[in-house]
């Protein structure tokens, strides 16, 4: 199973734009979902990106915990 999220900067017509991506389940398959953040140079892009990445991190941790429970893994130290 794929679990992850990240940032992509894409150049279009000499300008850089920021997208974020995460894996999500659609129709029983894991697919990469992109969400537009804004132009790289825009003042609000960094704040928006930080907020989205914090949300994605929370979602990724929830998904990881579900995966661990699904396989019956038991937490503990070695």
N, C-alpha and C. Protein backbone atom coordinates (compact mmCIF):
# COMPACT_ATOMS: atom_id res chain seq x y z
N UNK A 1 0.85 -1.18 0.00
CA UNK A 1 0.00 0.00 0.00
C UNK A 1 0.90 1.24 0.00
N UNK A 2 0.49 2.24 -0.71
CA UNK A 2 1.25 3.48 -0.78
C UNK A 2 0.73 4.46 0.26
N UNK A 3 1.65 5.08 0.94
CA UNK A 3 1.32 6.08 1.94
C UNK A 3 2.30 7.21 1.75
N UNK A 4 1.80 8.42 1.52
CA UNK A 4 2.74 9.52 1.35
C UNK A 4 2.08 10.80 0.90
N UNK A 5 2.89 11.85 0.92
CA UNK A 5 2.47 13.17 0.48
C UNK A 5 3.71 13.96 0.14
N UNK A 6 3.56 15.02 -0.63
CA UNK A 6 4.72 15.80 -1.00
C UNK A 6 4.36 17.09 -1.72
N UNK A 7 5.39 17.79 -2.15
CA UNK A 7 5.26 19.09 -2.80
C UNK A 7 5.87 18.99 -4.19
N UNK A 8 5.23 19.65 -5.15
CA UNK A 8 5.75 19.70 -6.51
C UNK A 8 5.73 21.16 -6.98
N UNK A 9 6.84 21.60 -7.56
CA UNK A 9 6.90 22.93 -8.18
C UNK A 9 6.95 22.70 -9.68
N UNK A 10 6.03 23.33 -10.38
CA UNK A 10 5.90 23.12 -11.82
C UNK A 10 6.04 24.46 -12.54
N UNK A 11 6.87 24.50 -13.57
CA UNK A 11 7.08 25.71 -14.34
C UNK A 11 6.13 25.73 -15.54
N UNK A 12 5.34 26.79 -15.63
CA UNK A 12 4.42 26.97 -16.75
C UNK A 12 4.59 28.41 -17.25
N UNK A 13 4.93 28.54 -18.52
CA UNK A 13 5.11 29.85 -19.15
C UNK A 13 5.99 30.79 -18.31
N UNK A 14 7.16 30.28 -17.93
CA UNK A 14 8.17 31.05 -17.19
C UNK A 14 7.76 31.46 -15.79
N UNK A 15 6.75 30.81 -15.22
CA UNK A 15 6.36 31.07 -13.83
C UNK A 15 6.30 29.73 -13.10
N UNK A 16 6.68 29.75 -11.82
CA UNK A 16 6.64 28.54 -11.01
C UNK A 16 5.38 28.50 -10.16
N UNK A 17 4.75 27.32 -10.14
CA UNK A 17 3.52 27.11 -9.38
C UNK A 17 3.70 25.91 -8.46
N UNK A 18 3.06 25.97 -7.31
CA UNK A 18 3.21 24.94 -6.29
C UNK A 18 1.93 24.09 -6.21
N UNK A 19 2.12 22.78 -6.22
CA UNK A 19 1.06 21.81 -5.99
C UNK A 19 1.51 20.94 -4.82
N UNK A 20 0.56 20.35 -4.13
CA UNK A 20 0.86 19.31 -3.15
C UNK A 20 0.15 18.05 -3.61
N UNK A 21 0.67 16.90 -3.22
CA UNK A 21 0.05 15.65 -3.61
C UNK A 21 0.00 14.73 -2.41
N UNK A 22 -0.94 13.79 -2.48
CA UNK A 22 -1.06 12.75 -1.47
C UNK A 22 -1.68 11.53 -2.15
N UNK A 23 -1.46 10.38 -1.56
CA UNK A 23 -2.12 9.18 -2.05
C UNK A 23 -3.46 9.06 -1.33
N UNK A 24 -4.49 8.66 -2.07
CA UNK A 24 -5.79 8.40 -1.48
C UNK A 24 -6.42 7.22 -2.21
N UNK A 25 -7.39 6.61 -1.56
CA UNK A 25 -8.07 5.46 -2.15
C UNK A 25 -9.29 5.92 -2.93
N UNK A 26 -9.36 5.48 -4.18
CA UNK A 26 -10.51 5.76 -5.04
C UNK A 26 -10.87 4.48 -5.77
N UNK A 27 -12.08 4.03 -5.57
CA UNK A 27 -12.52 2.81 -6.25
C UNK A 27 -11.67 1.60 -5.92
N UNK A 28 -11.17 1.53 -4.69
CA UNK A 28 -10.36 0.40 -4.28
C UNK A 28 -8.90 0.47 -4.71
N UNK A 29 -8.50 1.56 -5.36
CA UNK A 29 -7.11 1.72 -5.82
C UNK A 29 -6.49 2.93 -5.16
N UNK A 30 -5.17 2.89 -4.96
CA UNK A 30 -4.44 4.03 -4.43
C UNK A 30 -4.03 4.91 -5.61
N UNK A 31 -4.41 6.16 -5.57
CA UNK A 31 -4.07 7.08 -6.66
C UNK A 31 -3.45 8.34 -6.06
N UNK A 32 -2.65 9.01 -6.85
CA UNK A 32 -2.03 10.25 -6.43
C UNK A 32 -2.98 11.40 -6.74
N UNK A 33 -3.29 12.19 -5.71
CA UNK A 33 -4.22 13.32 -5.84
C UNK A 33 -3.41 14.61 -5.68
N UNK A 34 -3.57 15.54 -6.62
CA UNK A 34 -2.86 16.82 -6.57
C UNK A 34 -3.81 17.93 -6.16
N UNK A 35 -3.29 18.88 -5.40
CA UNK A 35 -4.06 20.05 -4.98
C UNK A 35 -3.21 21.30 -5.25
N UNK A 36 -3.75 22.24 -5.98
CA UNK A 36 -3.04 23.47 -6.32
C UNK A 36 -2.92 24.36 -5.09
N UNK A 37 -1.72 24.92 -4.88
CA UNK A 37 -1.49 25.82 -3.74
C UNK A 37 -1.43 27.27 -4.20
N UNK A 38 -0.60 27.56 -5.21
CA UNK A 38 -0.51 28.92 -5.70
C UNK A 38 0.82 29.18 -6.39
N UNK A 39 1.01 30.41 -6.89
CA UNK A 39 2.29 30.77 -7.50
C UNK A 39 3.40 30.75 -6.45
N UNK A 40 4.57 30.26 -6.83
CA UNK A 40 5.69 30.17 -5.91
C UNK A 40 6.05 31.53 -5.31
N UNK A 41 5.95 32.58 -6.10
CA UNK A 41 6.37 33.91 -5.66
C UNK A 41 5.32 34.63 -4.80
N UNK A 42 4.10 34.13 -4.76
CA UNK A 42 3.03 34.82 -4.03
C UNK A 42 3.28 34.79 -2.53
N UNK A 43 2.94 35.88 -1.87
CA UNK A 43 3.19 36.03 -0.44
C UNK A 43 2.45 34.98 0.39
N UNK A 44 1.24 34.62 0.03
CA UNK A 44 0.45 33.70 0.84
C UNK A 44 0.69 32.22 0.57
N UNK A 45 1.48 31.90 -0.44
CA UNK A 45 1.68 30.50 -0.81
C UNK A 45 2.36 29.70 0.29
N UNK A 46 3.38 30.26 0.92
CA UNK A 46 4.10 29.53 1.97
C UNK A 46 3.18 29.19 3.14
N UNK A 47 2.39 30.15 3.56
CA UNK A 47 1.47 29.91 4.69
C UNK A 47 0.43 28.85 4.31
N UNK A 48 -0.12 28.95 3.11
CA UNK A 48 -1.11 27.98 2.65
C UNK A 48 -0.48 26.59 2.54
N UNK A 49 0.74 26.53 2.01
CA UNK A 49 1.45 25.26 1.87
C UNK A 49 1.69 24.62 3.24
N UNK A 50 2.11 25.42 4.20
CA UNK A 50 2.36 24.90 5.55
C UNK A 50 1.09 24.31 6.14
N UNK A 51 -0.02 25.00 5.99
CA UNK A 51 -1.30 24.52 6.51
C UNK A 51 -1.72 23.21 5.85
N UNK A 52 -1.60 23.14 4.54
CA UNK A 52 -1.98 21.92 3.81
C UNK A 52 -1.07 20.76 4.20
N UNK A 53 0.23 20.99 4.31
CA UNK A 53 1.16 19.92 4.65
C UNK A 53 0.91 19.40 6.07
N UNK A 54 0.55 20.28 6.99
CA UNK A 54 0.22 19.83 8.34
C UNK A 54 -1.02 18.95 8.32
N UNK A 55 -2.00 19.33 7.50
CA UNK A 55 -3.22 18.52 7.37
C UNK A 55 -2.88 17.17 6.75
N UNK A 56 -2.06 17.15 5.70
CA UNK A 56 -1.67 15.91 5.05
C UNK A 56 -0.90 15.01 6.02
N UNK A 57 -0.04 15.60 6.84
CA UNK A 57 0.72 14.80 7.79
C UNK A 57 -0.23 14.09 8.76
N UNK A 58 -1.24 14.80 9.24
CA UNK A 58 -2.22 14.20 10.13
C UNK A 58 -2.98 13.08 9.45
N UNK A 59 -3.39 13.30 8.19
CA UNK A 59 -4.09 12.26 7.44
C UNK A 59 -3.20 11.05 7.20
N UNK A 60 -1.93 11.28 6.90
CA UNK A 60 -1.00 10.18 6.66
C UNK A 60 -0.80 9.36 7.93
N UNK A 61 -0.70 10.00 9.08
CA UNK A 61 -0.54 9.27 10.33
C UNK A 61 -1.79 8.45 10.65
N UNK A 62 -2.97 9.01 10.39
CA UNK A 62 -4.21 8.25 10.60
C UNK A 62 -4.24 7.03 9.70
N UNK A 63 -3.86 7.21 8.45
CA UNK A 63 -3.83 6.09 7.49
C UNK A 63 -2.83 5.03 7.93
N UNK A 64 -1.66 5.46 8.39
CA UNK A 64 -0.64 4.52 8.86
C UNK A 64 -1.17 3.71 10.04
N UNK A 65 -1.82 4.37 10.97
CA UNK A 65 -2.38 3.66 12.13
C UNK A 65 -3.44 2.64 11.70
N UNK A 66 -4.27 3.01 10.73
CA UNK A 66 -5.26 2.07 10.20
C UNK A 66 -4.57 0.85 9.56
N UNK A 67 -3.49 1.10 8.82
CA UNK A 67 -2.76 0.02 8.19
C UNK A 67 -2.17 -0.92 9.23
N UNK A 68 -1.60 -0.36 10.28
CA UNK A 68 -1.01 -1.17 11.34
C UNK A 68 -2.07 -2.04 12.00
N UNK A 69 -3.22 -1.44 12.31
CA UNK A 69 -4.31 -2.20 12.93
C UNK A 69 -4.81 -3.30 11.98
N UNK A 70 -4.86 -3.00 10.69
CA UNK A 70 -5.38 -3.96 9.71
C UNK A 70 -4.51 -5.22 9.62
N UNK A 71 -3.21 -5.09 9.80
CA UNK A 71 -2.33 -6.26 9.71
C UNK A 71 -2.09 -6.88 11.08
N UNK A 72 -2.68 -6.30 12.11
CA UNK A 72 -2.58 -6.86 13.45
C UNK A 72 -1.24 -6.64 14.11
N UNK A 73 -0.51 -5.63 13.66
CA UNK A 73 0.78 -5.32 14.26
C UNK A 73 0.58 -4.81 15.68
N UNK A 74 1.51 -5.13 16.53
CA UNK A 74 1.45 -4.70 17.92
C UNK A 74 2.61 -3.75 18.17
N UNK A 75 2.32 -2.58 18.75
CA UNK A 75 3.38 -1.62 19.06
C UNK A 75 4.18 -2.06 20.25
N UNK A 76 5.38 -1.53 20.32
CA UNK A 76 6.24 -1.86 21.46
C UNK A 76 7.68 -1.61 21.11
N UNK A 77 8.51 -1.63 22.10
CA UNK A 77 9.93 -1.40 21.86
C UNK A 77 10.65 -2.73 21.67
N UNK A 78 11.78 -2.69 21.01
CA UNK A 78 12.59 -3.91 20.77
C UNK A 78 13.77 -3.92 21.69
